[in-house]
Amino acid sequence: MNRGDRTAALNALAKQVKGIALSGGKKKLVKDVKADVISFSGCRDIQTSSDTVVDGEATGAMSYALRMVLDMEQDTSYQQLLIGLRMFMKMKGYSQTPQLSSSHPMDMRLKFIM
C-alpha cells in the first residue's frame, strides 16, 4: 500500500469516528453508537462453531441450544440464558463456548426479550 492510499484510508476512517477521548494521556477512538446491539455467537474467536442435525435438518449447534433452553425457561435473564446455553452445549458434548457481546456495557440481570 503506498502512502497516498494509507492517507486516504485514514481520512475515510477519521470521518467515521465521532470523537476522541483521552485516557491516561493516550488518545482513544470513541464511536458514537446510539443503538443497543446485543449478539450471541456460537463460540469464542479461537473456536469453531459446530453444526448439528435436528429432525433431518442441518442447523447450528448453538441455535439449536438456544431454542431448547428458551423452550425450557422462557422468562430468563441474559445471564441465565448464557449459562443455560453453555451448560446445554457441554451436556451435549460440544467443546465450543457460546459468547454474548454488546455495543454498550449492559446489566446481565435484565430479562431476555426476543
N, C-alpha and C. Protein backbone atom coordinates (compact mmCIF):
# COMPACT_ATOMS: atom_id res chain seq x y z
N MET A 1 0.86 -1.16 0.00
CA MET A 1 0.00 0.00 0.00
C MET A 1 0.90 1.23 0.00
N ASN A 2 0.70 2.14 -0.94
CA ASN A 2 1.55 3.32 -0.96
C ASN A 2 1.02 4.37 0.02
N ARG A 3 1.82 5.39 0.24
CA ARG A 3 1.50 6.39 1.25
C ARG A 3 0.18 7.11 0.97
N GLY A 4 -0.11 7.40 -0.29
CA GLY A 4 -1.36 8.07 -0.65
C GLY A 4 -2.57 7.23 -0.31
N ASP A 5 -2.46 5.92 -0.52
CA ASP A 5 -3.56 5.01 -0.19
C ASP A 5 -3.80 4.95 1.31
N ARG A 6 -2.71 4.92 2.07
CA ARG A 6 -2.83 4.89 3.53
C ARG A 6 -3.46 6.17 4.04
N THR A 7 -3.05 7.30 3.50
CA THR A 7 -3.61 8.58 3.92
C THR A 7 -5.10 8.64 3.61
N ALA A 8 -5.48 8.19 2.42
CA ALA A 8 -6.90 8.19 2.05
C ALA A 8 -7.70 7.27 2.97
N ALA A 9 -7.12 6.11 3.30
CA ALA A 9 -7.80 5.17 4.19
C ALA A 9 -7.97 5.76 5.58
N LEU A 10 -6.93 6.40 6.09
CA LEU A 10 -7.01 7.03 7.41
C LEU A 10 -8.00 8.19 7.43
N ASN A 11 -8.04 8.95 6.35
CA ASN A 11 -9.01 10.04 6.27
C ASN A 11 -10.44 9.50 6.25
N ALA A 12 -10.67 8.41 5.54
CA ALA A 12 -12.00 7.79 5.49
C ALA A 12 -12.39 7.28 6.88
N LEU A 13 -11.42 6.68 7.59
CA LEU A 13 -11.68 6.20 8.94
C LEU A 13 -12.00 7.36 9.87
N ALA A 14 -11.26 8.44 9.75
CA ALA A 14 -11.48 9.61 10.61
C ALA A 14 -12.88 10.17 10.44
N LYS A 15 -13.43 10.09 9.25
CA LYS A 15 -14.79 10.58 9.01
C LYS A 15 -15.82 9.72 9.73
N GLN A 16 -15.49 8.43 9.95
CA GLN A 16 -16.41 7.52 10.63
C GLN A 16 -16.40 7.70 12.15
N VAL A 17 -15.31 8.20 12.67
CA VAL A 17 -15.15 8.36 14.11
C VAL A 17 -15.75 9.69 14.54
N LYS A 18 -16.58 9.63 15.57
CA LYS A 18 -17.29 10.82 16.01
C LYS A 18 -16.50 11.62 17.06
N GLY A 19 -15.52 11.01 17.72
CA GLY A 19 -14.78 11.73 18.74
C GLY A 19 -13.55 10.98 19.18
N ILE A 20 -12.73 11.67 19.97
CA ILE A 20 -11.53 11.07 20.52
C ILE A 20 -11.52 11.37 22.01
N ALA A 21 -11.34 10.36 22.83
CA ALA A 21 -11.26 10.54 24.27
C ALA A 21 -9.82 10.32 24.70
N LEU A 22 -9.41 11.04 25.72
CA LEU A 22 -8.06 10.86 26.25
C LEU A 22 -8.13 9.98 27.48
N SER A 23 -7.33 8.94 27.52
CA SER A 23 -7.30 8.00 28.64
C SER A 23 -5.84 7.81 29.03
N GLY A 24 -5.47 8.31 30.20
CA GLY A 24 -4.09 8.18 30.65
C GLY A 24 -3.10 8.86 29.73
N GLY A 25 -3.50 9.97 29.12
CA GLY A 25 -2.63 10.69 28.21
C GLY A 25 -2.59 10.11 26.81
N LYS A 26 -3.27 9.00 26.59
CA LYS A 26 -3.29 8.38 25.27
C LYS A 26 -4.61 8.68 24.58
N LYS A 27 -4.56 8.84 23.28
CA LYS A 27 -5.78 9.06 22.51
C LYS A 27 -6.50 7.74 22.32
N LYS A 28 -7.81 7.77 22.46
CA LYS A 28 -8.62 6.57 22.28
C LYS A 28 -9.79 6.94 21.38
N LEU A 29 -9.99 6.17 20.32
CA LEU A 29 -11.09 6.44 19.41
C LEU A 29 -12.41 6.07 20.09
N VAL A 30 -13.39 6.95 19.93
CA VAL A 30 -14.72 6.72 20.51
C VAL A 30 -15.73 6.78 19.38
N LYS A 31 -16.53 5.74 19.24
CA LYS A 31 -17.57 5.74 18.23
C LYS A 31 -18.88 6.18 18.89
N ASP A 32 -19.67 6.88 18.13
CA ASP A 32 -20.95 7.36 18.63
C ASP A 32 -22.04 6.40 18.19
N VAL A 33 -22.18 5.30 18.93
CA VAL A 33 -23.17 4.28 18.61
C VAL A 33 -24.38 4.49 19.51
N LYS A 34 -25.51 4.80 18.91
CA LYS A 34 -26.71 5.05 19.69
C LYS A 34 -27.55 3.79 19.89
N ALA A 35 -27.39 2.81 19.04
CA ALA A 35 -28.17 1.58 19.12
C ALA A 35 -27.63 0.67 20.21
N ASP A 36 -28.52 -0.06 20.84
CA ASP A 36 -28.13 -1.11 21.76
C ASP A 36 -28.10 -2.41 20.96
N VAL A 37 -26.92 -2.89 20.69
CA VAL A 37 -26.76 -4.11 19.90
C VAL A 37 -26.25 -5.21 20.82
N ILE A 38 -26.99 -6.31 20.85
CA ILE A 38 -26.61 -7.46 21.67
C ILE A 38 -26.55 -8.67 20.74
N SER A 39 -25.47 -9.41 20.82
CA SER A 39 -25.26 -10.52 19.89
C SER A 39 -24.78 -11.76 20.63
N PHE A 40 -25.41 -12.89 20.32
CA PHE A 40 -24.91 -14.18 20.79
C PHE A 40 -24.11 -14.79 19.65
N SER A 41 -22.99 -15.41 19.98
CA SER A 41 -22.24 -16.16 18.97
C SER A 41 -22.03 -17.57 19.50
N GLY A 42 -21.81 -18.49 18.58
CA GLY A 42 -21.74 -19.90 18.92
C GLY A 42 -20.48 -20.31 19.66
N CYS A 43 -19.42 -19.48 19.60
CA CYS A 43 -18.17 -19.90 20.21
C CYS A 43 -17.24 -18.71 20.40
N ARG A 44 -16.13 -18.98 21.07
CA ARG A 44 -15.07 -17.98 21.20
C ARG A 44 -14.40 -17.78 19.85
N ASP A 45 -13.67 -16.67 19.72
CA ASP A 45 -12.99 -16.38 18.45
C ASP A 45 -12.00 -17.46 18.05
N ILE A 46 -11.41 -18.14 19.01
CA ILE A 46 -10.39 -19.15 18.70
C ILE A 46 -11.01 -20.54 18.47
N GLN A 47 -12.34 -20.62 18.54
CA GLN A 47 -13.03 -21.89 18.36
C GLN A 47 -13.79 -21.91 17.03
N THR A 48 -14.33 -23.05 16.70
CA THR A 48 -15.17 -23.21 15.52
C THR A 48 -16.56 -23.63 15.98
N SER A 49 -17.58 -22.99 15.43
CA SER A 49 -18.96 -23.36 15.76
C SER A 49 -19.34 -24.64 15.05
N SER A 50 -19.96 -25.53 15.79
CA SER A 50 -20.38 -26.82 15.24
C SER A 50 -21.79 -26.74 14.67
N ASP A 51 -22.07 -27.66 13.79
CA ASP A 51 -23.41 -27.85 13.26
C ASP A 51 -23.97 -29.14 13.85
N THR A 52 -25.28 -29.27 13.76
CA THR A 52 -25.93 -30.49 14.20
C THR A 52 -27.09 -30.77 13.24
N VAL A 53 -27.70 -31.92 13.38
CA VAL A 53 -28.87 -32.27 12.57
C VAL A 53 -30.03 -32.52 13.52
N VAL A 54 -31.13 -31.81 13.30
CA VAL A 54 -32.33 -31.94 14.12
C VAL A 54 -33.50 -32.25 13.19
N ASP A 55 -34.16 -33.36 13.44
CA ASP A 55 -35.28 -33.80 12.60
C ASP A 55 -34.92 -33.81 11.12
N GLY A 56 -33.70 -34.27 10.82
CA GLY A 56 -33.25 -34.38 9.43
C GLY A 56 -32.79 -33.08 8.80
N GLU A 57 -32.80 -31.98 9.56
CA GLU A 57 -32.41 -30.67 9.04
C GLU A 57 -31.11 -30.20 9.70
N ALA A 58 -30.18 -29.68 8.90
CA ALA A 58 -28.93 -29.14 9.44
C ALA A 58 -29.22 -27.79 10.10
N THR A 59 -28.59 -27.56 11.24
CA THR A 59 -28.73 -26.29 11.96
C THR A 59 -27.48 -26.08 12.80
N GLY A 60 -27.26 -24.86 13.23
CA GLY A 60 -26.14 -24.58 14.12
C GLY A 60 -26.39 -25.16 15.50
N ALA A 61 -25.35 -25.70 16.12
CA ALA A 61 -25.49 -26.31 17.44
C ALA A 61 -25.95 -25.28 18.48
N MET A 62 -25.41 -24.06 18.42
CA MET A 62 -25.82 -23.04 19.39
C MET A 62 -27.24 -22.57 19.12
N SER A 63 -27.63 -22.49 17.85
CA SER A 63 -29.01 -22.11 17.51
C SER A 63 -29.99 -23.13 18.06
N TYR A 64 -29.64 -24.40 17.94
CA TYR A 64 -30.47 -25.47 18.49
C TYR A 64 -30.52 -25.35 20.01
N ALA A 65 -29.38 -25.11 20.64
CA ALA A 65 -29.33 -24.96 22.09
C ALA A 65 -30.19 -23.78 22.55
N LEU A 66 -30.14 -22.68 21.81
CA LEU A 66 -30.95 -21.50 22.15
C LEU A 66 -32.43 -21.87 22.15
N ARG A 67 -32.85 -22.56 21.12
CA ARG A 67 -34.25 -22.98 21.02
C ARG A 67 -34.64 -23.88 22.20
N MET A 68 -33.79 -24.82 22.53
CA MET A 68 -34.09 -25.75 23.61
C MET A 68 -34.12 -25.06 24.98
N VAL A 69 -33.13 -24.20 25.23
CA VAL A 69 -33.06 -23.50 26.52
C VAL A 69 -34.27 -22.57 26.68
N LEU A 70 -34.64 -21.86 25.64
CA LEU A 70 -35.80 -20.96 25.73
C LEU A 70 -37.10 -21.74 25.86
N ASP A 71 -37.18 -22.94 25.27
CA ASP A 71 -38.36 -23.78 25.45
C ASP A 71 -38.52 -24.20 26.90
N MET A 72 -37.38 -24.42 27.58
CA MET A 72 -37.42 -24.86 28.98
C MET A 72 -37.70 -23.70 29.93
N GLU A 73 -37.20 -22.52 29.60
CA GLU A 73 -37.34 -21.38 30.50
C GLU A 73 -37.47 -20.09 29.69
N GLN A 74 -38.71 -19.69 29.41
CA GLN A 74 -38.93 -18.50 28.60
C GLN A 74 -38.65 -17.20 29.36
N ASP A 75 -38.92 -17.18 30.66
CA ASP A 75 -38.73 -15.98 31.47
C ASP A 75 -37.34 -16.04 32.10
N THR A 76 -36.34 -15.51 31.39
CA THR A 76 -34.95 -15.65 31.83
C THR A 76 -34.17 -14.36 31.59
N SER A 77 -33.09 -14.20 32.30
CA SER A 77 -32.21 -13.04 32.11
C SER A 77 -31.14 -13.40 31.08
N TYR A 78 -30.43 -12.38 30.60
CA TYR A 78 -29.32 -12.63 29.67
C TYR A 78 -28.28 -13.54 30.32
N GLN A 79 -28.00 -13.30 31.59
CA GLN A 79 -27.01 -14.11 32.30
C GLN A 79 -27.46 -15.56 32.41
N GLN A 80 -28.72 -15.78 32.82
CA GLN A 80 -29.24 -17.14 32.94
C GLN A 80 -29.26 -17.84 31.59
N LEU A 81 -29.60 -17.10 30.54
CA LEU A 81 -29.64 -17.68 29.20
C LEU A 81 -28.25 -18.11 28.75
N LEU A 82 -27.26 -17.25 28.95
CA LEU A 82 -25.90 -17.59 28.55
C LEU A 82 -25.39 -18.80 29.32
N ILE A 83 -25.65 -18.85 30.61
CA ILE A 83 -25.24 -20.00 31.42
C ILE A 83 -25.96 -21.26 30.93
N GLY A 84 -27.26 -21.13 30.66
CA GLY A 84 -28.03 -22.27 30.15
C GLY A 84 -27.50 -22.77 28.82
N LEU A 85 -27.14 -21.86 27.92
CA LEU A 85 -26.57 -22.25 26.63
C LEU A 85 -25.27 -23.02 26.82
N ARG A 86 -24.42 -22.49 27.67
CA ARG A 86 -23.12 -23.14 27.90
C ARG A 86 -23.29 -24.52 28.52
N MET A 87 -24.22 -24.64 29.48
CA MET A 87 -24.46 -25.94 30.13
C MET A 87 -25.04 -26.95 29.13
N PHE A 88 -26.01 -26.51 28.32
CA PHE A 88 -26.63 -27.38 27.33
C PHE A 88 -25.59 -27.89 26.33
N MET A 89 -24.75 -26.97 25.84
CA MET A 89 -23.72 -27.35 24.86
C MET A 89 -22.75 -28.36 25.47
N LYS A 90 -22.34 -28.12 26.70
CA LYS A 90 -21.41 -29.04 27.36
C LYS A 90 -22.06 -30.40 27.57
N MET A 91 -23.33 -30.39 28.00
CA MET A 91 -24.06 -31.63 28.23
C MET A 91 -24.20 -32.46 26.95
N LYS A 92 -24.30 -31.78 25.81
CA LYS A 92 -24.43 -32.47 24.53
C LYS A 92 -23.08 -32.83 23.91
N GLY A 93 -21.97 -32.51 24.60
CA GLY A 93 -20.66 -32.93 24.15
C GLY A 93 -19.94 -31.95 23.23
N TYR A 94 -20.43 -30.72 23.12
CA TYR A 94 -19.76 -29.73 22.27
C TYR A 94 -18.70 -29.02 23.10
N SER A 95 -17.55 -28.76 22.48
CA SER A 95 -16.45 -28.09 23.19
C SER A 95 -16.51 -26.57 23.03
N GLN A 96 -17.34 -26.08 22.15
CA GLN A 96 -17.42 -24.62 21.93
C GLN A 96 -18.13 -23.94 23.09
N THR A 97 -17.80 -22.68 23.31
CA THR A 97 -18.35 -21.90 24.42
C THR A 97 -19.11 -20.69 23.86
N PRO A 98 -20.45 -20.71 23.91
CA PRO A 98 -21.22 -19.57 23.42
C PRO A 98 -20.82 -18.27 24.13
N GLN A 99 -20.89 -17.17 23.38
CA GLN A 99 -20.48 -15.85 23.87
C GLN A 99 -21.61 -14.85 23.68
N LEU A 100 -21.60 -13.81 24.49
CA LEU A 100 -22.53 -12.70 24.35
C LEU A 100 -21.71 -11.42 24.24
N SER A 101 -22.04 -10.58 23.27
CA SER A 101 -21.35 -9.31 23.07
C SER A 101 -22.40 -8.21 23.01
N SER A 102 -22.01 -7.00 23.39
CA SER A 102 -22.94 -5.87 23.30
C SER A 102 -22.18 -4.60 22.94
N SER A 103 -22.93 -3.66 22.34
CA SER A 103 -22.33 -2.40 21.91
C SER A 103 -22.04 -1.47 23.08
N HIS A 104 -22.69 -1.69 24.21
CA HIS A 104 -22.53 -0.88 25.41
C HIS A 104 -22.47 -1.81 26.62
N PRO A 105 -21.89 -1.34 27.73
CA PRO A 105 -21.98 -2.15 28.95
C PRO A 105 -23.45 -2.40 29.26
N MET A 106 -23.76 -3.60 29.74
CA MET A 106 -25.15 -3.94 30.00
C MET A 106 -25.30 -4.67 31.32
N ASP A 107 -26.50 -4.62 31.86
CA ASP A 107 -26.85 -5.34 33.07
C ASP A 107 -27.31 -6.73 32.65
N MET A 108 -26.49 -7.73 32.94
CA MET A 108 -26.78 -9.09 32.51
C MET A 108 -27.99 -9.68 33.23
N ARG A 109 -28.46 -8.99 34.28
CA ARG A 109 -29.64 -9.47 35.01
C ARG A 109 -30.95 -9.07 34.33
N LEU A 110 -30.85 -8.23 33.29
CA LEU A 110 -32.06 -7.82 32.57
C LEU A 110 -32.73 -9.01 31.91
N LYS A 111 -34.05 -8.95 31.82
CA LYS A 111 -34.82 -10.02 31.20
C LYS A 111 -34.50 -10.08 29.70
N PHE A 112 -34.26 -11.29 29.22
CA PHE A 112 -34.03 -11.51 27.79
C PHE A 112 -35.35 -11.38 27.06
N ILE A 113 -35.39 -10.51 26.06
CA ILE A 113 -36.58 -10.31 25.25
C ILE A 113 -36.18 -10.48 23.78
N MET A 114 -36.95 -11.28 23.06
CA MET A 114 -36.64 -11.50 21.65
C MET A 114 -37.73 -10.90 20.79
